[in-house]
Amino acid sequence: QANFIKAAGLYQQFIVTFPEDPKVAEITYLMGEAFYEAGQLESAIKAYETVAYTHVDKQRGADAGYSAIFTLQRLIEESPAKTEADQIVLAERREHKITSTLNFADYYSIDKRAPAVLTKAGQEVFEQGDMPRAETIAKRMTQWQPVPEKSLQKTAWMVLGHAQFDQQKFGEAEVSYRRLLTLLEDVDPDKPAIVERIAASMYRSSEAQIAAGNNVEAVSRLLQIRIIAPGSEIAI
């Protein structure tokens, strides 16, 4: 550990002494690696993000950006959460990770790791209760090109549907859940719950139609629920 700290210090001296040198990005990345191995995670993150988003290094930028996300996750997992002050620091680190992930997706969208880290960010934001932001991230994932693997598509559409439902955007949620349904196999354990959510979205949409005085349209919509989810509690 002492040698890694010493190495990081020497790299730092190089960067300060020769700030315009072509090797500064490489040296900064090595400094980040040395800090990581020494267990000084916050310093490692700062170095990684400098390589990725200040130097935007073509050779190491994507790896540095991903390393920053990975290190932030480790920092979060190792953070205490006993006191109120601990909780504040933990929340700040979680927000930092989300920001770093979004930067990675912006700067290195062609990297094969980008879809997975962005999808994970959408999940985490949803779990934190920030529905508008979760919707924005998930919507971006559903439009990702080239189309990511099916498991990531499934997660993105699920987060999008849930975020829209929780914001009472029932018509939009129904569309998202229906799109999700096309990605599910008949034996998928999530399928019954998604069918139920489609029915619930239709039911809640019909309530809005009734409130607006569109009773005929509402009745028609309610009767369609039995086609989507026959035998369900909502259909009955």
C-alpha atoms as a PDB file:
ATOM      1  CA  GLN A   1       0.000   0.000   0.000  1.00  0.00           C
ATOM      2  CA  ALA A   2       2.823   2.401   0.861  1.00  0.00           C
ATOM      3  CA  ASN A   3       4.404   1.849  -2.536  1.00  0.00           C
ATOM      4  CA  PHE A   4       1.120   2.496  -4.351  1.00  0.00           C
ATOM      5  CA  ILE A   5       0.688   5.752  -2.421  1.00  0.00           C
ATOM      6  CA  LYS A   6       4.258   6.723  -3.274  1.00  0.00           C
ATOM      7  CA  ALA A   7       3.658   5.927  -6.942  1.00  0.00           C
ATOM      8  CA  ALA A   8       0.489   8.029  -6.966  1.00  0.00           C
ATOM      9  CA  GLY A   9       2.440  10.924  -5.469  1.00  0.00           C
ATOM     10  CA  LEU A  10       5.119  10.668  -8.164  1.00  0.00           C
ATOM     11  CA  TYR A  11       2.451  10.580 -10.888  1.00  0.00           C
ATOM     12  CA  GLN A  12       0.901  13.681  -9.322  1.00  0.00           C
ATOM     13  CA  GLN A  13       4.289  15.438  -9.419  1.00  0.00           C
ATOM     14  CA  PHE A  14       4.612  14.657 -13.109  1.00  0.00           C
ATOM     15  CA  ILE A  15       1.125  16.057 -13.848  1.00  0.00           C
ATOM     16  CA  VAL A  16       1.824  19.277 -11.923  1.00  0.00           C
ATOM     17  CA  THR A  17       5.286  19.717 -13.430  1.00  0.00           C
ATOM     18  CA  PHE A  18       4.404  18.938 -17.051  1.00  0.00           C
ATOM     19  CA  PRO A  19       0.677  19.805 -17.436  1.00  0.00           C
ATOM     20  CA  GLU A  20       0.932  20.090 -21.242  1.00  0.00           C
ATOM     21  CA  ASP A  21       2.807  16.838 -21.765  1.00  0.00           C
ATOM     22  CA  PRO A  22       1.060  14.387 -24.157  1.00  0.00           C
ATOM     23  CA  LYS A  23       1.350  11.658 -21.521  1.00  0.00           C
ATOM     24  CA  VAL A  24      -0.669  13.516 -18.865  1.00  0.00           C
ATOM     25  CA  ALA A  25      -3.857  11.508 -19.570  1.00  0.00           C
ATOM     26  CA  GLU A  26      -1.928   8.227 -19.341  1.00  0.00           C
ATOM     27  CA  ILE A  27      -0.157   9.314 -16.155  1.00  0.00           C
ATOM     28  CA  THR A  28      -3.465  10.448 -14.623  1.00  0.00           C
ATOM     29  CA  TYR A  29      -4.987   7.044 -15.387  1.00  0.00           C
ATOM     30  CA  LEU A  30      -2.010   5.290 -13.771  1.00  0.00           C
ATOM     31  CA  MET A  31      -2.374   7.590 -10.772  1.00  0.00           C
ATOM     32  CA  GLY A  32      -6.008   6.509 -10.492  1.00  0.00           C
ATOM     33  CA  GLU A  33      -4.975   2.854 -10.603  1.00  0.00           C
ATOM     34  CA  ALA A  34      -2.358   3.457  -7.909  1.00  0.00           C
ATOM     35  CA  PHE A  35      -4.862   5.248  -5.673  1.00  0.00           C
ATOM     36  CA  TYR A  36      -7.352   2.401  -6.183  1.00  0.00           C
ATOM     37  CA  GLU A  37      -4.815  -0.246  -5.215  1.00  0.00           C
ATOM     38  CA  ALA A  38      -3.866   1.849  -2.178  1.00  0.00           C
ATOM     39  CA  GLY A  39      -7.506   1.923  -1.092  1.00  0.00           C
ATOM     40  CA  GLN A  40      -7.849   5.683  -1.574  1.00  0.00           C
ATOM     41  CA  LEU A  41     -11.038   5.364  -3.571  1.00  0.00           C
ATOM     42  CA  GLU A  42     -12.156   8.999  -3.669  1.00  0.00           C
ATOM     43  CA  SER A  43      -8.801  10.072  -5.121  1.00  0.00           C
ATOM     44  CA  ALA A  44      -8.999   7.218  -7.619  1.00  0.00           C
ATOM     45  CA  ILE A  45     -12.463   8.320  -8.758  1.00  0.00           C
ATOM     46  CA  LYS A  46     -11.287  11.890  -9.268  1.00  0.00           C
ATOM     47  CA  ALA A  47      -8.356  10.711 -11.394  1.00  0.00           C
ATOM     48  CA  TYR A  48     -10.501   8.334 -13.460  1.00  0.00           C
ATOM     49  CA  GLU A  49     -13.111  11.009 -14.169  1.00  0.00           C
ATOM     50  CA  THR A  50     -10.409  13.496 -15.147  1.00  0.00           C
ATOM     51  CA  VAL A  51      -9.133  11.062 -17.773  1.00  0.00           C
ATOM     52  CA  ALA A  52     -12.631  10.251 -19.010  1.00  0.00           C
ATOM     53  CA  TYR A  53     -14.307  13.671 -19.040  1.00  0.00           C
ATOM     54  CA  THR A  54     -11.586  16.329 -18.915  1.00  0.00           C
ATOM     55  CA  HIS A  55      -8.980  14.767 -21.187  1.00  0.00           C
ATOM     56  CA  VAL A  56     -11.574  12.579 -22.980  1.00  0.00           C
ATOM     57  CA  ASP A  57      -8.663  10.260 -23.733  1.00  0.00           C
ATOM     58  CA  LYS A  58      -9.349   8.117 -26.790  1.00  0.00           C
ATOM     59  CA  GLN A  59      -7.246   5.200 -25.590  1.00  0.00           C
ATOM     60  CA  ARG A  60      -8.189   5.047 -21.911  1.00  0.00           C
ATOM     61  CA  GLY A  61     -11.228   7.298 -21.528  1.00  0.00           C
ATOM     62  CA  ALA A  62     -13.889   4.601 -21.665  1.00  0.00           C
ATOM     63  CA  ASP A  63     -12.007   2.313 -19.283  1.00  0.00           C
ATOM     64  CA  ALA A  64     -11.417   5.231 -16.927  1.00  0.00           C
ATOM     65  CA  GLY A  65     -15.103   6.210 -16.990  1.00  0.00           C
ATOM     66  CA  TYR A  66     -16.168   2.648 -16.280  1.00  0.00           C
ATOM     67  CA  SER A  67     -13.559   2.351 -13.513  1.00  0.00           C
ATOM     68  CA  ALA A  68     -15.003   5.475 -11.899  1.00  0.00           C
ATOM     69  CA  ILE A  69     -18.473   3.887 -11.827  1.00  0.00           C
ATOM     70  CA  PHE A  70     -17.082   0.600 -10.496  1.00  0.00           C
ATOM     71  CA  THR A  71     -15.095   2.406  -7.792  1.00  0.00           C
ATOM     72  CA  LEU A  72     -18.075   4.530  -6.789  1.00  0.00           C
ATOM     73  CA  GLN A  73     -20.113   1.355  -6.334  1.00  0.00           C
ATOM     74  CA  ARG A  74     -17.393  -0.104  -4.124  1.00  0.00           C
ATOM     75  CA  LEU A  75     -17.279   3.141  -2.138  1.00  0.00           C
ATOM     76  CA  ILE A  76     -21.060   3.001  -1.674  1.00  0.00           C
ATOM     77  CA  GLU A  77     -20.923  -0.614  -0.514  1.00  0.00           C
ATOM     78  CA  GLU A  78     -18.194   0.198   2.006  1.00  0.00           C
ATOM     79  CA  SER A  79     -19.886   3.351   3.322  1.00  0.00           C
ATOM     80  CA  PRO A  80     -21.324   3.226   6.859  1.00  0.00           C
ATOM     81  CA  ALA A  81     -24.987   4.123   7.238  1.00  0.00           C
ATOM     82  CA  LYS A  82     -25.427   4.373  10.992  1.00  0.00           C
ATOM     83  CA  THR A  83     -25.830   8.089  11.580  1.00  0.00           C
ATOM     84  CA  GLU A  84     -27.686  10.868   9.811  1.00  0.00           C
ATOM     85  CA  ALA A  85     -24.349  12.253   8.604  1.00  0.00           C
ATOM     86  CA  ASP A  86     -23.506   8.830   7.162  1.00  0.00           C
ATOM     87  CA  GLN A  87     -26.807   8.795   5.307  1.00  0.00           C
ATOM     88  CA  ILE A  88     -26.114  12.217   3.789  1.00  0.00           C
ATOM     89  CA  VAL A  89     -22.676  11.119   2.559  1.00  0.00           C
ATOM     90  CA  LEU A  90     -24.147   7.875   1.187  1.00  0.00           C
ATOM     91  CA  ALA A  91     -26.859   9.800  -0.698  1.00  0.00           C
ATOM     92  CA  GLU A  92     -24.220  12.109  -2.183  1.00  0.00           C
ATOM     93  CA  ARG A  93     -22.152   9.144  -3.350  1.00  0.00           C
ATOM     94  CA  ARG A  94     -25.187   7.491  -4.922  1.00  0.00           C
ATOM     95  CA  GLU A  95     -25.992  10.716  -6.761  1.00  0.00           C
ATOM     96  CA  HIS A  96     -22.365  10.984  -7.882  1.00  0.00           C
ATOM     97  CA  LYS A  97     -22.575   7.458  -9.285  1.00  0.00           C
ATOM     98  CA  ILE A  98     -25.734   8.292 -11.258  1.00  0.00           C
ATOM     99  CA  THR A  99     -24.103  11.439 -12.661  1.00  0.00           C
ATOM    100  CA  SER A 100     -20.948   9.530 -13.555  1.00  0.00           C
ATOM    101  CA  THR A 101     -23.022   6.857 -15.278  1.00  0.00           C
ATOM    102  CA  LEU A 102     -24.942   9.402 -17.342  1.00  0.00           C
ATOM    103  CA  ASN A 103     -21.646  11.031 -18.334  1.00  0.00           C
ATOM    104  CA  PHE A 104     -20.314   7.637 -19.399  1.00  0.00           C
ATOM    105  CA  ALA A 105     -23.372   7.045 -21.584  1.00  0.00           C
ATOM    106  CA  ASP A 106     -23.026  10.541 -23.093  1.00  0.00           C
ATOM    107  CA  TYR A 107     -19.295  10.451 -23.790  1.00  0.00           C
ATOM    108  CA  TYR A 108     -18.866   6.751 -24.641  1.00  0.00           C
ATOM    109  CA  SER A 109     -22.214   5.681 -26.064  1.00  0.00           C
ATOM    110  CA  ILE A 110     -20.548   3.284 -28.520  1.00  0.00           C
ATOM    111  CA  ASP A 111     -18.889   1.376 -25.680  1.00  0.00           C
ATOM    112  CA  LYS A 112     -20.496  -2.039 -25.230  1.00  0.00           C
ATOM    113  CA  ARG A 113     -20.806  -1.433 -21.466  1.00  0.00           C
ATOM    114  CA  ALA A 114     -22.871   1.752 -21.848  1.00  0.00           C
ATOM    115  CA  PRO A 115     -26.347   0.149 -22.183  1.00  0.00           C
ATOM    116  CA  ALA A 116     -25.893  -1.997 -19.080  1.00  0.00           C
ATOM    117  CA  VAL A 117     -24.636   0.805 -16.832  1.00  0.00           C
ATOM    118  CA  LEU A 118     -27.367   3.171 -18.026  1.00  0.00           C
ATOM    119  CA  THR A 119     -30.068   0.566 -17.419  1.00  0.00           C
ATOM    120  CA  LYS A 120     -28.697  -0.012 -13.927  1.00  0.00           C
ATOM    121  CA  ALA A 121     -28.787   3.743 -13.314  1.00  0.00           C
ATOM    122  CA  GLY A 122     -32.456   3.808 -14.296  1.00  0.00           C
ATOM    123  CA  GLN A 123     -33.197   1.032 -11.809  1.00  0.00           C
ATOM    124  CA  GLU A 124     -31.334   2.779  -9.019  1.00  0.00           C
ATOM    125  CA  VAL A 125     -33.039   6.118  -9.627  1.00  0.00           C
ATOM    126  CA  PHE A 126     -36.414   4.358  -9.616  1.00  0.00           C
ATOM    127  CA  GLU A 127     -35.584   2.608  -6.329  1.00  0.00           C
ATOM    128  CA  GLN A 128     -34.640   5.992  -4.863  1.00  0.00           C
ATOM    129  CA  GLY A 129     -38.139   7.240  -5.737  1.00  0.00           C
ATOM    130  CA  ASP A 130     -37.211   9.825  -8.383  1.00  0.00           C
ATOM    131  CA  MET A 131     -39.875   8.849 -10.906  1.00  0.00           C
ATOM    132  CA  PRO A 132     -39.450  11.686 -13.452  1.00  0.00           C
ATOM    133  CA  ARG A 133     -35.716  11.046 -13.709  1.00  0.00           C
ATOM    134  CA  ALA A 134     -36.217   7.267 -13.831  1.00  0.00           C
ATOM    135  CA  GLU A 135     -38.679   7.780 -16.675  1.00  0.00           C
ATOM    136  CA  THR A 136     -36.190   9.938 -18.583  1.00  0.00           C
ATOM    137  CA  ILE A 137     -33.346   7.429 -18.223  1.00  0.00           C
ATOM    138  CA  ALA A 138     -35.520   4.410 -19.027  1.00  0.00           C
ATOM    139  CA  LYS A 139     -37.018   6.135 -22.063  1.00  0.00           C
ATOM    140  CA  ARG A 140     -33.506   6.813 -23.326  1.00  0.00           C
ATOM    141  CA  MET A 141     -32.703   3.124 -22.943  1.00  0.00           C
ATOM    142  CA  THR A 142     -35.799   2.034 -24.878  1.00  0.00           C
ATOM    143  CA  GLN A 143     -34.572   4.180 -27.784  1.00  0.00           C
ATOM    144  CA  TRP A 144     -30.947   2.977 -27.612  1.00  0.00           C
ATOM    145  CA  GLN A 145     -29.218   2.069 -30.858  1.00  0.00           C
ATOM    146  CA  PRO A 146     -28.058  -0.489 -31.666  1.00  0.00           C
ATOM    147  CA  VAL A 147     -30.807  -2.334 -29.823  1.00  0.00           C
ATOM    148  CA  PRO A 148     -29.325  -3.863 -26.623  1.00  0.00           C
ATOM    149  CA  GLU A 149     -29.810  -7.427 -25.465  1.00  0.00           C
ATOM    150  CA  LYS A 150     -33.323  -8.503 -24.544  1.00  0.00           C
ATOM    151  CA  SER A 151     -32.718  -8.571 -20.769  1.00  0.00           C
ATOM    152  CA  LEU A 152     -31.731  -4.886 -20.814  1.00  0.00           C
ATOM    153  CA  GLN A 153     -34.728  -3.995 -22.999  1.00  0.00           C
ATOM    154  CA  LYS A 154     -36.986  -5.813 -20.565  1.00  0.00           C
ATOM    155  CA  THR A 155     -35.595  -3.927 -17.578  1.00  0.00           C
ATOM    156  CA  ALA A 156     -35.817  -0.575 -19.368  1.00  0.00           C
ATOM    157  CA  TRP A 157     -39.458  -1.026 -20.386  1.00  0.00           C
ATOM    158  CA  MET A 158     -40.355  -2.284 -16.913  1.00  0.00           C
ATOM    159  CA  VAL A 159     -38.774   0.720 -15.190  1.00  0.00           C
ATOM    160  CA  LEU A 160     -40.433   3.040 -17.718  1.00  0.00           C
ATOM    161  CA  GLY A 161     -43.862   1.503 -17.189  1.00  0.00           C
ATOM    162  CA  HIS A 162     -43.590   1.549 -13.393  1.00  0.00           C
ATOM    163  CA  ALA A 163     -42.305   5.137 -13.342  1.00  0.00           C
ATOM    164  CA  GLN A 164     -45.140   6.305 -15.588  1.00  0.00           C
ATOM    165  CA  PHE A 165     -47.735   4.380 -13.557  1.00  0.00           C
ATOM    166  CA  ASP A 166     -46.477   5.860 -10.296  1.00  0.00           C
ATOM    167  CA  GLN A 167     -46.778   9.337 -11.838  1.00  0.00           C
ATOM    168  CA  GLN A 168     -50.379   8.518 -12.825  1.00  0.00           C
ATOM    169  CA  LYS A 169     -49.520   8.586 -16.539  1.00  0.00           C
ATOM    170  CA  PHE A 170     -51.725   5.559 -17.019  1.00  0.00           C
ATOM    171  CA  GLY A 171     -52.138   5.762 -20.791  1.00  0.00           C
ATOM    172  CA  GLU A 172     -48.374   5.966 -21.311  1.00  0.00           C
ATOM    173  CA  ALA A 173     -47.794   3.215 -18.749  1.00  0.00           C
ATOM    174  CA  GLU A 174     -50.177   0.925 -20.605  1.00  0.00           C
ATOM    175  CA  VAL A 175     -48.214   1.450 -23.839  1.00  0.00           C
ATOM    176  CA  SER A 176     -44.935   0.674 -22.059  1.00  0.00           C
ATOM    177  CA  TYR A 177     -46.312  -2.433 -20.362  1.00  0.00           C
ATOM    178  CA  ARG A 178     -47.710  -3.703 -23.658  1.00  0.00           C
ATOM    179  CA  ARG A 179     -44.295  -3.232 -25.271  1.00  0.00           C
ATOM    180  CA  LEU A 180     -42.724  -5.070 -22.361  1.00  0.00           C
ATOM    181  CA  LEU A 181     -45.184  -7.911 -22.789  1.00  0.00           C
ATOM    182  CA  THR A 182     -43.857  -8.558 -26.315  1.00  0.00           C
ATOM    183  CA  LEU A 183     -40.427  -9.245 -24.787  1.00  0.00           C
ATOM    184  CA  LEU A 184     -41.654 -11.799 -22.245  1.00  0.00           C
ATOM    185  CA  GLU A 185     -41.846 -15.530 -22.814  1.00  0.00           C
ATOM    186  CA  ASP A 186     -45.038 -17.311 -21.744  1.00  0.00           C
ATOM    187  CA  VAL A 187     -43.149 -18.909 -18.852  1.00  0.00           C
ATOM    188  CA  ASP A 188     -41.599 -15.636 -17.693  1.00  0.00           C
ATOM    189  CA  PRO A 189     -42.377 -15.221 -13.969  1.00  0.00           C
ATOM    190  CA  ASP A 190     -42.944 -11.476 -14.482  1.00  0.00           C
ATOM    191  CA  LYS A 191     -45.670 -11.953 -17.093  1.00  0.00           C
ATOM    192  CA  PRO A 192     -48.712 -12.295 -14.753  1.00  0.00           C
ATOM    193  CA  ALA A 193     -47.752  -9.135 -12.859  1.00  0.00           C
ATOM    194  CA  ILE A 194     -47.289  -7.171 -16.086  1.00  0.00           C
ATOM    195  CA  VAL A 195     -50.655  -8.316 -17.423  1.00  0.00           C
ATOM    196  CA  GLU A 196     -52.164  -7.174 -14.114  1.00  0.00           C
ATOM    197  CA  ARG A 197     -50.430  -3.804 -14.506  1.00  0.00           C
ATOM    198  CA  ILE A 198     -51.850  -3.387 -18.016  1.00  0.00           C
ATOM    199  CA  ALA A 199     -55.321  -4.079 -16.645  1.00  0.00           C
ATOM    200  CA  ALA A 200     -54.729  -1.646 -13.774  1.00  0.00           C
ATOM    201  CA  SER A 201     -53.540   1.035 -16.196  1.00  0.00           C
ATOM    202  CA  MET A 202     -56.667   0.585 -18.295  1.00  0.00           C
ATOM    203  CA  TYR A 203     -58.872   0.717 -15.196  1.00  0.00           C
ATOM    204  CA  ARG A 204     -57.244   3.901 -13.915  1.00  0.00           C
ATOM    205  CA  SER A 205     -57.460   5.483 -17.376  1.00  0.00           C
ATOM    206  CA  SER A 206     -61.164   4.708 -17.439  1.00  0.00           C
ATOM    207  CA  GLU A 207     -61.565   6.478 -14.082  1.00  0.00           C
ATOM    208  CA  ALA A 208     -60.102   9.599 -15.670  1.00  0.00           C
ATOM    209  CA  GLN A 209     -62.523   9.248 -18.590  1.00  0.00           C
ATOM    210  CA  ILE A 210     -65.457   8.954 -16.186  1.00  0.00           C
ATOM    211  CA  ALA A 211     -64.287  12.035 -14.307  1.00  0.00           C
ATOM    212  CA  ALA A 212     -64.186  13.883 -17.641  1.00  0.00           C
ATOM    213  CA  GLY A 213     -67.725  12.746 -18.465  1.00  0.00           C
ATOM    214  CA  ASN A 214     -66.683  10.309 -21.222  1.00  0.00           C
ATOM    215  CA  ASN A 215     -68.765   7.462 -19.870  1.00  0.00           C
ATOM    216  CA  VAL A 216     -69.256   5.585 -23.139  1.00  0.00           C
ATOM    217  CA  GLU A 217     -65.521   5.479 -23.824  1.00  0.00           C
ATOM    218  CA  ALA A 218     -64.877   4.491 -20.217  1.00  0.00           C
ATOM    219  CA  VAL A 219     -67.308   1.576 -20.359  1.00  0.00           C
ATOM    220  CA  SER A 220     -65.748   0.380 -23.611  1.00  0.00           C
ATOM    221  CA  ARG A 221     -62.307   0.514 -22.058  1.00  0.00           C
ATOM    222  CA  LEU A 222     -63.412  -1.307 -18.912  1.00  0.00           C
ATOM    223  CA  LEU A 223     -64.911  -4.112 -20.983  1.00  0.00           C
ATOM    224  CA  GLN A 224     -61.586  -4.571 -22.801  1.00  0.00           C
ATOM    225  CA  ILE A 225     -59.896  -5.499 -19.521  1.00  0.00           C
ATOM    226  CA  ARG A 226     -61.459  -8.945 -19.527  1.00  0.00           C
ATOM    227  CA  ILE A 227     -59.761  -9.606 -22.880  1.00  0.00           C
ATOM    228  CA  ILE A 228     -56.342  -8.584 -21.556  1.00  0.00           C
ATOM    229  CA  ALA A 229     -56.587 -10.181 -18.120  1.00  0.00           C
ATOM    230  CA  PRO A 230     -59.476 -12.657 -18.026  1.00  0.00           C
ATOM    231  CA  GLY A 231     -60.238 -13.945 -14.539  1.00  0.00           C
ATOM    232  CA  SER A 232     -58.149 -11.278 -12.830  1.00  0.00           C
ATOM    233  CA  GLU A 233     -59.459  -9.397  -9.802  1.00  0.00           C
ATOM    234  CA  ILE A 234     -59.518  -6.181 -11.835  1.00  0.00           C
ATOM    235  CA  ALA A 235     -61.522  -7.785 -14.658  1.00  0.00           C
ATOM    236  CA  ILE A 236     -64.056  -9.202 -12.186  1.00  0.00           C
END
